Amino acid sequence: MQNDTRTACLKRLSRIEGQVRGLSRMVEDNRYCIDIVTQVAAVRAALKKVEEQVLRDHVGHCVEHAIQSGDADQQRAKVSELIEVLGKLKG
């Protein structure tokens, strides 16, 4: 992972960690269900952004490197990994 991507992801994950702690407090405090569900949706959206950022970095760095390497086995492996993870994200 590129350093700038790692830094951005760690910063975003730190914020998400705080959101999740806030969710725990909301449940402990028996807050209104819709407020909790709204915050869960916000956490999921934030995690989706991290996921997209990591995938973008992977394609822009790891997959690109495999393509430039000219190593057909490495290229197939990276494309296979990508197809597998994208399949999991759809399901």
N, C-alpha and C. Protein backbone atom coordinates (compact mmCIF):
# COMPACT_ATOMS: atom_id res chain seq x y z
N MET A 1 0.84 -1.17 0.00
CA MET A 1 0.00 0.00 0.00
C MET A 1 0.90 1.24 0.00
N GLN A 2 0.52 2.21 -0.79
CA GLN A 2 1.26 3.46 -0.86
C GLN A 2 1.13 4.21 0.48
N ASN A 3 2.17 4.94 0.85
CA ASN A 3 2.18 5.63 2.14
C ASN A 3 1.03 6.62 2.30
N ASP A 4 0.72 7.39 1.25
CA ASP A 4 -0.37 8.36 1.36
C ASP A 4 -1.71 7.67 1.54
N THR A 5 -1.90 6.54 0.88
CA THR A 5 -3.14 5.77 1.04
C THR A 5 -3.22 5.21 2.44
N ARG A 6 -2.12 4.65 2.93
CA ARG A 6 -2.09 4.08 4.28
C ARG A 6 -2.44 5.15 5.32
N THR A 7 -1.83 6.33 5.18
CA THR A 7 -2.08 7.43 6.11
C THR A 7 -3.56 7.85 6.08
N ALA A 8 -4.10 8.00 4.88
CA ALA A 8 -5.50 8.40 4.74
C ALA A 8 -6.43 7.35 5.32
N CYS A 9 -6.14 6.08 5.05
CA CYS A 9 -6.98 5.00 5.56
C CYS A 9 -6.92 4.93 7.09
N LEU A 10 -5.74 5.07 7.65
CA LEU A 10 -5.61 5.03 9.11
C LEU A 10 -6.36 6.18 9.76
N LYS A 11 -6.30 7.35 9.15
CA LYS A 11 -7.03 8.50 9.68
C LYS A 11 -8.54 8.24 9.63
N ARG A 12 -9.00 7.74 8.50
CA ARG A 12 -10.42 7.44 8.34
C ARG A 12 -10.86 6.33 9.30
N LEU A 13 -10.04 5.30 9.45
CA LEU A 13 -10.38 4.20 10.36
C LEU A 13 -10.41 4.66 11.82
N SER A 14 -9.58 5.62 12.15
CA SER A 14 -9.60 6.17 13.50
C SER A 14 -10.93 6.87 13.77
N ARG A 15 -11.39 7.62 12.78
CA ARG A 15 -12.70 8.28 12.92
C ARG A 15 -13.81 7.24 13.03
N ILE A 16 -13.71 6.19 12.23
CA ILE A 16 -14.72 5.12 12.26
C ILE A 16 -14.72 4.45 13.63
N GLU A 17 -13.55 4.24 14.18
CA GLU A 17 -13.43 3.64 15.51
C GLU A 17 -14.21 4.49 16.54
N GLY A 18 -14.06 5.79 16.43
CA GLY A 18 -14.80 6.68 17.33
C GLY A 18 -16.30 6.59 17.11
N GLN A 19 -16.70 6.47 15.84
CA GLN A 19 -18.13 6.32 15.54
C GLN A 19 -18.68 5.04 16.15
N VAL A 20 -17.92 3.95 16.07
CA VAL A 20 -18.37 2.67 16.61
C VAL A 20 -18.48 2.74 18.14
N ARG A 21 -17.52 3.40 18.76
CA ARG A 21 -17.62 3.59 20.23
C ARG A 21 -18.87 4.39 20.57
N GLY A 22 -19.15 5.40 19.76
CA GLY A 22 -20.36 6.19 19.95
C GLY A 22 -21.62 5.35 19.80
N LEU A 23 -21.58 4.43 18.86
CA LEU A 23 -22.72 3.51 18.68
C LEU A 23 -22.93 2.64 19.92
N SER A 24 -21.85 2.16 20.47
CA SER A 24 -21.95 1.35 21.69
C SER A 24 -22.60 2.15 22.82
N ARG A 25 -22.18 3.40 22.94
CA ARG A 25 -22.79 4.26 23.98
C ARG A 25 -24.27 4.48 23.71
N MET A 26 -24.61 4.64 22.43
CA MET A 26 -26.02 4.84 22.09
C MET A 26 -26.85 3.63 22.50
N VAL A 27 -26.33 2.43 22.25
CA VAL A 27 -27.05 1.20 22.63
C VAL A 27 -27.12 1.10 24.15
N GLU A 28 -26.00 1.36 24.82
CA GLU A 28 -25.99 1.31 26.28
C GLU A 28 -26.99 2.30 26.88
N ASP A 29 -27.11 3.46 26.27
CA ASP A 29 -28.02 4.50 26.76
C ASP A 29 -29.46 4.31 26.29
N ASN A 30 -29.68 3.20 25.58
CA ASN A 30 -31.03 2.86 25.10
C ASN A 30 -31.61 3.98 24.23
N ARG A 31 -30.79 4.49 23.32
CA ARG A 31 -31.23 5.57 22.44
C ARG A 31 -32.25 5.06 21.43
N TYR A 32 -32.93 5.97 20.79
CA TYR A 32 -33.97 5.68 19.81
C TYR A 32 -33.39 4.81 18.67
N CYS A 33 -34.09 3.75 18.36
CA CYS A 33 -33.61 2.75 17.38
C CYS A 33 -33.23 3.38 16.04
N ILE A 34 -34.05 4.27 15.55
CA ILE A 34 -33.77 4.88 14.24
C ILE A 34 -32.48 5.69 14.28
N ASP A 35 -32.20 6.34 15.40
CA ASP A 35 -30.93 7.07 15.53
C ASP A 35 -29.75 6.11 15.46
N ILE A 36 -29.89 4.96 16.08
CA ILE A 36 -28.82 3.95 16.06
C ILE A 36 -28.63 3.41 14.65
N VAL A 37 -29.73 3.08 13.99
CA VAL A 37 -29.65 2.55 12.62
C VAL A 37 -29.01 3.59 11.69
N THR A 38 -29.35 4.85 11.88
CA THR A 38 -28.77 5.92 11.07
C THR A 38 -27.25 5.97 11.25
N GLN A 39 -26.80 5.82 12.49
CA GLN A 39 -25.36 5.84 12.75
C GLN A 39 -24.67 4.58 12.22
N VAL A 40 -25.35 3.45 12.28
CA VAL A 40 -24.80 2.22 11.69
C VAL A 40 -24.59 2.43 10.19
N ALA A 41 -25.57 3.04 9.53
CA ALA A 41 -25.45 3.31 8.09
C ALA A 41 -24.27 4.23 7.82
N ALA A 42 -24.04 5.21 8.68
CA ALA A 42 -22.91 6.13 8.50
C ALA A 42 -21.58 5.39 8.63
N VAL A 43 -21.50 4.47 9.58
CA VAL A 43 -20.28 3.67 9.76
C VAL A 43 -20.05 2.78 8.53
N ARG A 44 -21.11 2.15 8.06
CA ARG A 44 -20.98 1.31 6.86
C ARG A 44 -20.50 2.12 5.66
N ALA A 45 -21.05 3.32 5.49
CA ALA A 45 -20.64 4.18 4.37
C ALA A 45 -19.17 4.57 4.51
N ALA A 46 -18.74 4.87 5.73
CA ALA A 46 -17.34 5.24 5.97
C ALA A 46 -16.41 4.06 5.67
N LEU A 47 -16.81 2.86 6.08
CA LEU A 47 -16.01 1.66 5.79
C LEU A 47 -15.95 1.40 4.29
N LYS A 48 -17.04 1.67 3.60
CA LYS A 48 -17.07 1.50 2.15
C LYS A 48 -16.04 2.42 1.49
N LYS A 49 -15.90 3.63 2.01
CA LYS A 49 -14.90 4.56 1.47
C LYS A 49 -13.49 4.02 1.66
N VAL A 50 -13.21 3.43 2.83
CA VAL A 50 -11.90 2.84 3.08
C VAL A 50 -11.67 1.69 2.09
N GLU A 51 -12.67 0.86 1.94
CA GLU A 51 -12.58 -0.27 1.01
C GLU A 51 -12.26 0.22 -0.40
N GLU A 52 -12.95 1.25 -0.86
CA GLU A 52 -12.72 1.79 -2.20
C GLU A 52 -11.30 2.35 -2.33
N GLN A 53 -10.85 3.03 -1.29
CA GLN A 53 -9.52 3.61 -1.31
C GLN A 53 -8.44 2.52 -1.39
N VAL A 54 -8.61 1.46 -0.62
CA VAL A 54 -7.64 0.36 -0.64
C VAL A 54 -7.67 -0.34 -2.00
N LEU A 55 -8.86 -0.58 -2.54
CA LEU A 55 -8.94 -1.22 -3.85
C LEU A 55 -8.32 -0.35 -4.95
N ARG A 56 -8.57 0.94 -4.89
CA ARG A 56 -7.99 1.86 -5.87
C ARG A 56 -6.46 1.82 -5.79
N ASP A 57 -5.93 1.79 -4.58
CA ASP A 57 -4.49 1.71 -4.39
C ASP A 57 -3.96 0.39 -4.93
N HIS A 58 -4.68 -0.69 -4.65
CA HIS A 58 -4.24 -2.01 -5.10
C HIS A 58 -4.16 -2.06 -6.62
N VAL A 59 -5.20 -1.56 -7.28
CA VAL A 59 -5.19 -1.57 -8.75
C VAL A 59 -4.10 -0.64 -9.29
N GLY A 60 -3.98 0.53 -8.69
CA GLY A 60 -3.02 1.52 -9.18
C GLY A 60 -1.58 1.19 -8.87
N HIS A 61 -1.37 0.28 -7.93
CA HIS A 61 0.01 -0.04 -7.54
C HIS A 61 0.33 -1.51 -7.80
N CYS A 62 -0.35 -2.40 -7.11
CA CYS A 62 -0.02 -3.83 -7.19
C CYS A 62 -0.36 -4.43 -8.55
N VAL A 63 -1.57 -4.18 -9.02
CA VAL A 63 -1.98 -4.74 -10.32
C VAL A 63 -1.16 -4.09 -11.44
N GLU A 64 -1.00 -2.78 -11.35
CA GLU A 64 -0.19 -2.09 -12.37
C GLU A 64 1.23 -2.62 -12.41
N HIS A 65 1.81 -2.88 -11.24
CA HIS A 65 3.17 -3.43 -11.18
C HIS A 65 3.22 -4.80 -11.85
N ALA A 66 2.21 -5.63 -11.60
CA ALA A 66 2.17 -6.96 -12.22
C ALA A 66 2.08 -6.84 -13.74
N ILE A 67 1.30 -5.90 -14.21
CA ILE A 67 1.16 -5.71 -15.66
C ILE A 67 2.49 -5.26 -16.26
N GLN A 68 3.14 -4.31 -15.61
CA GLN A 68 4.41 -3.79 -16.12
C GLN A 68 5.54 -4.80 -16.03
N SER A 69 5.40 -5.75 -15.11
CA SER A 69 6.48 -6.73 -14.92
C SER A 69 6.63 -7.66 -16.12
N GLY A 70 5.55 -7.86 -16.86
CA GLY A 70 5.59 -8.79 -17.98
C GLY A 70 5.49 -10.24 -17.56
N ASP A 71 5.37 -10.50 -16.26
CA ASP A 71 5.28 -11.86 -15.73
C ASP A 71 3.82 -12.32 -15.80
N ALA A 72 3.53 -13.19 -16.75
CA ALA A 72 2.16 -13.64 -16.99
C ALA A 72 1.54 -14.31 -15.75
N ASP A 73 2.33 -15.09 -15.03
CA ASP A 73 1.81 -15.74 -13.82
C ASP A 73 1.41 -14.71 -12.77
N GLN A 74 2.25 -13.72 -12.58
CA GLN A 74 1.96 -12.66 -11.61
C GLN A 74 0.72 -11.87 -12.05
N GLN A 75 0.62 -11.61 -13.33
CA GLN A 75 -0.53 -10.88 -13.86
C GLN A 75 -1.82 -11.65 -13.61
N ARG A 76 -1.80 -12.94 -13.94
CA ARG A 76 -2.99 -13.78 -13.71
C ARG A 76 -3.36 -13.83 -12.24
N ALA A 77 -2.35 -13.94 -11.38
CA ALA A 77 -2.61 -14.02 -9.93
C ALA A 77 -3.28 -12.74 -9.43
N LYS A 78 -2.79 -11.59 -9.86
CA LYS A 78 -3.37 -10.31 -9.41
C LYS A 78 -4.78 -10.13 -9.93
N VAL A 79 -5.01 -10.48 -11.18
CA VAL A 79 -6.35 -10.37 -11.74
C VAL A 79 -7.30 -11.34 -11.05
N SER A 80 -6.83 -12.54 -10.77
CA SER A 80 -7.64 -13.53 -10.07
C SER A 80 -8.01 -13.05 -8.67
N GLU A 81 -7.04 -12.50 -7.95
CA GLU A 81 -7.30 -11.93 -6.62
C GLU A 81 -8.38 -10.85 -6.69
N LEU A 82 -8.23 -9.98 -7.67
CA LEU A 82 -9.15 -8.87 -7.83
C LEU A 82 -10.57 -9.37 -8.13
N ILE A 83 -10.68 -10.32 -9.02
CA ILE A 83 -11.99 -10.88 -9.37
C ILE A 83 -12.62 -11.54 -8.14
N GLU A 84 -11.81 -12.26 -7.38
CA GLU A 84 -12.32 -12.94 -6.18
C GLU A 84 -12.84 -11.95 -5.15
N VAL A 85 -12.06 -10.90 -4.89
CA VAL A 85 -12.49 -9.94 -3.87
C VAL A 85 -13.70 -9.13 -4.35
N LEU A 86 -13.75 -8.79 -5.62
CA LEU A 86 -14.90 -8.07 -6.14
C LEU A 86 -16.16 -8.94 -6.07
N GLY A 87 -16.00 -10.23 -6.29
CA GLY A 87 -17.13 -11.16 -6.14
C GLY A 87 -17.65 -11.18 -4.72
N LYS A 88 -16.76 -11.14 -3.76
CA LYS A 88 -17.17 -11.13 -2.35
C LYS A 88 -17.88 -9.83 -1.99
N LEU A 89 -17.46 -8.75 -2.58
CA LEU A 89 -18.06 -7.45 -2.29
C LEU A 89 -19.49 -7.37 -2.84
N LYS A 90 -19.73 -8.04 -3.95
CA LYS A 90 -21.07 -8.03 -4.54
C LYS A 90 -22.06 -8.84 -3.72
N GLY A 91 -21.57 -9.92 -3.12
CA GLY A 91 -22.44 -10.86 -2.43
C GLY A 91 -22.83 -10.51 -1.08
